[in-house]
Protein backbone atom coordinates (compact mmCIF):
# COMPACT_ATOMS: atom_id res chain seq x y z
CA MET A 1 -13.06 14.24 6.12
CA LYS A 2 -16.41 13.75 8.22
CA PHE A 3 -17.25 10.94 5.46
CA LYS A 4 -13.47 9.12 5.78
CA ASN A 5 -13.97 9.25 9.77
CA LEU A 6 -17.33 8.05 9.66
CA LEU A 7 -16.20 5.46 7.07
CA LEU A 8 -13.31 4.49 9.48
CA ALA A 9 -16.09 4.15 12.73
CA THR A 10 -17.78 1.76 10.71
CA VAL A 11 -15.50 -0.65 9.34
CA PHE A 12 -13.68 -0.84 12.94
CA ALA A 13 -17.62 -1.35 14.22
CA ILE A 14 -18.39 -3.79 12.16
CA GLY A 15 -14.77 -5.58 12.82
CA PHE A 16 -15.10 -6.07 16.52
CA SER A 17 -18.11 -8.12 15.89
CA PHE A 18 -16.49 -10.52 13.24
CA ALA A 19 -12.98 -10.54 14.05
CA ASN A 20 -11.24 -13.92 13.71
CA ALA A 21 -7.63 -15.30 13.75
CA GLN A 22 -5.30 -12.83 12.75
CA VAL A 23 -4.29 -12.31 9.11
CA VAL A 24 -0.48 -10.79 9.67
CA GLN A 25 1.66 -11.74 12.36
CA GLN A 26 4.73 -10.00 13.63
CA GLY A 27 7.93 -10.66 11.48
CA ASP A 28 5.65 -10.92 8.13
CA LYS A 29 7.04 -8.63 5.54
CA VAL A 30 4.35 -7.63 2.56
CA LEU A 31 5.08 -6.19 -0.50
CA ASN A 32 2.17 -4.12 -2.60
CA LEU A 33 2.47 -3.12 -5.91
CA GLY A 34 -0.63 -0.97 -7.51
CA ILE A 35 -1.90 0.80 -10.48
CA GLY A 36 -3.58 4.03 -9.80
CA LEU A 37 -6.98 5.08 -10.91
CA GLY A 38 -8.19 9.20 -9.82
CA THR A 39 -5.61 11.65 -9.36
CA ALA A 40 -5.37 14.94 -8.97
CA LEU A 41 -1.96 15.45 -10.49
CA TYR A 42 -2.21 17.15 -14.08
CA THR A 43 -5.60 16.98 -14.68
CA GLY A 44 -7.69 19.28 -17.22
CA SER A 45 -8.72 19.08 -21.18
CA TYR A 46 -4.90 19.44 -22.65
CA TYR A 47 -3.16 16.94 -20.55
CA SER A 48 -2.70 13.29 -21.06
CA SER A 49 -1.27 10.31 -18.86
CA THR A 50 1.88 9.03 -20.40
CA ILE A 51 2.23 6.72 -17.46
CA PRO A 52 -0.20 6.17 -15.15
CA PRO A 53 0.22 6.11 -11.76
CA ILE A 54 2.31 3.06 -10.32
CA SER A 55 2.95 2.54 -6.66
CA GLY A 56 5.17 0.00 -4.65
CA SER A 57 5.01 -0.23 -0.95
CA PHE A 58 7.00 -2.42 1.19
CA GLU A 59 5.70 -3.32 5.30
CA LEU A 60 7.87 -5.00 8.14
CA VAL A 61 4.75 -6.11 10.84
CA MET A 62 6.57 -5.30 13.86
CA ASP A 63 3.89 -6.16 16.48
CA ASP A 64 0.68 -8.31 16.18
CA GLN A 65 -0.72 -8.40 19.94
CA LEU A 66 -2.68 -4.93 19.60
CA PHE A 67 -6.39 -4.93 20.23
CA ASP A 68 -6.14 -8.72 22.50
CA GLY A 69 -4.33 -9.91 19.32
CA LYS A 70 -6.31 -8.96 16.98
CA GLY A 71 -4.76 -5.99 15.54
CA ALA A 72 -0.95 -5.05 14.20
CA TRP A 73 1.29 -2.32 13.41
CA GLY A 74 3.98 -2.16 10.88
CA LEU A 75 6.49 0.18 9.48
CA GLY A 76 7.77 0.53 5.98
CA GLY A 77 7.92 2.92 2.78
CA TYR A 78 6.45 3.74 -0.42
CA LEU A 79 7.47 4.64 -3.81
CA GLY A 80 4.83 6.08 -6.61
CA TYR A 81 5.58 7.29 -10.20
CA ALA A 82 3.16 8.89 -12.43
CA SER A 83 3.90 10.84 -15.74
CA SER A 84 1.46 13.38 -17.97
CA LYS A 85 1.47 15.64 -21.12
CA TYR A 86 0.37 18.66 -21.88
CA LYS A 87 0.07 19.43 -25.66
CA TYR A 88 -0.92 23.10 -26.97
CA VAL A 89 -3.95 22.83 -29.07
CA GLY A 90 -3.06 22.14 -32.94
CA HIS A 91 0.26 21.90 -32.19
CA ASP A 92 3.26 19.32 -31.72
CA TYR A 93 4.46 20.84 -28.58
CA GLY A 94 4.25 21.19 -24.91
CA TRP A 95 5.01 20.07 -21.70
CA LYS A 96 6.17 16.63 -19.71
CA TYR A 97 5.75 16.32 -16.21
CA SER A 98 6.66 13.50 -13.95
CA ASN A 99 6.05 13.00 -10.14
CA ILE A 100 8.06 10.39 -7.89
CA ILE A 101 6.29 10.13 -4.22
CA ILE A 102 8.50 8.26 -1.52
CA GLY A 103 8.44 8.55 2.13
CA PRO A 104 8.01 6.41 5.23
CA ARG A 105 4.34 4.80 6.38
CA GLY A 106 3.31 3.16 9.41
CA TYR A 107 0.41 1.12 9.49
CA LEU A 108 -2.21 -0.35 11.77
CA HIS A 109 -4.32 -3.44 11.10
CA TYR A 110 -7.47 -4.57 12.79
CA ASN A 111 -8.69 -8.00 11.49
CA LEU A 112 -12.36 -7.81 10.42
CA VAL A 113 -12.80 -11.11 8.83
CA GLU A 114 -10.73 -14.39 7.83
CA LYS A 115 -7.95 -14.20 4.93
CA LEU A 116 -9.04 -10.25 4.91
CA ASP A 117 -6.13 -7.56 6.26
CA THR A 118 -7.64 -4.53 6.84
CA TYR A 119 -5.75 -1.01 7.58
CA VAL A 120 -4.95 2.68 8.13
CA GLY A 121 -2.07 4.54 7.84
CA ALA A 122 -0.01 7.59 7.51
CA MET A 123 3.00 8.39 5.30
CA LEU A 124 5.11 11.21 5.47
CA GLY A 125 7.26 11.59 2.17
CA TYR A 126 8.64 13.74 -0.17
CA ASN A 127 7.05 14.62 -3.64
CA VAL A 128 9.71 15.13 -6.38
CA VAL A 129 8.52 17.04 -9.99
CA SER A 130 9.96 17.75 -12.93
CA SER A 131 9.02 19.31 -15.96
CA LYS A 132 10.55 19.49 -19.61
CA TRP A 133 9.69 20.91 -22.96
CA TYR A 134 9.55 18.83 -26.23
CA GLY A 135 8.31 19.00 -29.54
CA SER A 136 9.21 21.65 -31.72
CA GLY A 137 9.90 25.40 -31.79
CA SER A 138 12.32 26.72 -29.62
CA SER A 139 13.61 24.75 -26.58
CA ILE A 140 12.17 26.45 -22.99
CA GLY A 141 14.19 23.93 -21.42
CA SER A 142 13.58 22.10 -18.16
CA ALA A 143 12.77 22.35 -14.30
CA SER A 144 12.36 20.44 -11.45
CA GLY A 145 11.43 20.97 -7.57
CA GLY A 146 9.49 18.99 -5.04
CA GLY A 147 7.99 19.36 -1.56
CA VAL A 148 7.02 17.35 1.73
CA ILE A 149 3.97 15.64 1.76
CA PHE A 150 1.56 14.24 4.29
CA SER A 151 -0.93 11.13 3.15
CA GLY A 152 -3.47 9.20 5.09
CA PHE A 153 -4.86 5.85 3.91
CA VAL A 154 -7.15 2.81 4.36
CA GLY A 155 -6.72 -0.61 2.64
CA ALA A 156 -7.58 -3.96 2.77
CA ARG A 157 -5.55 -7.26 1.40
CA TYR A 158 -7.60 -10.24 0.78
CA TYR A 159 -5.68 -13.22 0.65
CA PHE A 160 -6.13 -15.87 -2.13
CA ASN A 161 -2.93 -18.18 -0.21
CA ASP A 162 -0.89 -17.66 2.88
CA ASN A 163 1.35 -15.46 0.26
CA VAL A 164 -0.72 -13.57 -2.70
CA ALA A 165 -3.25 -11.02 -1.96
CA ALA A 166 -5.46 -8.72 -3.87
CA MET A 167 -5.02 -4.99 -2.42
CA VAL A 168 -7.16 -1.97 -2.05
CA GLU A 169 -5.96 1.60 -1.04
CA LEU A 170 -8.13 4.54 -0.63
CA GLY A 171 -6.70 7.67 0.31
CA SER A 172 -3.72 10.27 -1.02
CA GLY A 173 -0.62 9.24 -2.84
CA ILE A 174 -0.18 9.47 -6.13
CA ALA A 175 -3.53 8.33 -6.53
CA TYR A 176 -6.54 8.59 -4.98
CA LEU A 177 -7.27 4.61 -5.61
CA ASN A 178 -4.83 1.89 -6.03
CA LEU A 179 -5.48 -1.38 -6.91
CA GLY A 180 -3.22 -4.49 -7.60
CA VAL A 181 -1.58 -7.35 -5.56
CA ALA A 182 0.37 -7.86 -2.50
CA LEU A 183 2.81 -10.85 -1.63
CA LYS A 184 3.69 -11.34 1.81
CA PHE A 185 7.05 -13.33 2.44
């Protein structure tokens, strides 16, 4: 936690000396599509990922007049999915697991350098978990559940042109690190 706070403070401190024109503006709609690296979901020797963590998020920029016109804030939503399989050693049966995380997100942007949209945010969502027995032997069945989750994140989008950007987000969600593309409308 201390590392994240130090990283965030450093990013903002550097940004105050290099800030340029605002990258996102009021009314912009941004769609992020990403693939995740590193997750706390189903890790260990006998687990394998059947579908890697994937996510999509959407943001509507609500106001771009924060921090003397160098900042903005937005609201949006998030949807993430991952699937894993647990296979018993030496057997052709086990459990299949899937997670769906969905929820609203809030964003706070600050412009550090030209073409780079940097932001922090939070999400209050719901994690839907399901498991199902697969393979030979007697069928044990399936189960599902879920729970409320809170997620904090820090991210950046580097715009190659007015509408297309490379995206990276660090935080907790379907994965710890998400890499992908962002499309601005």
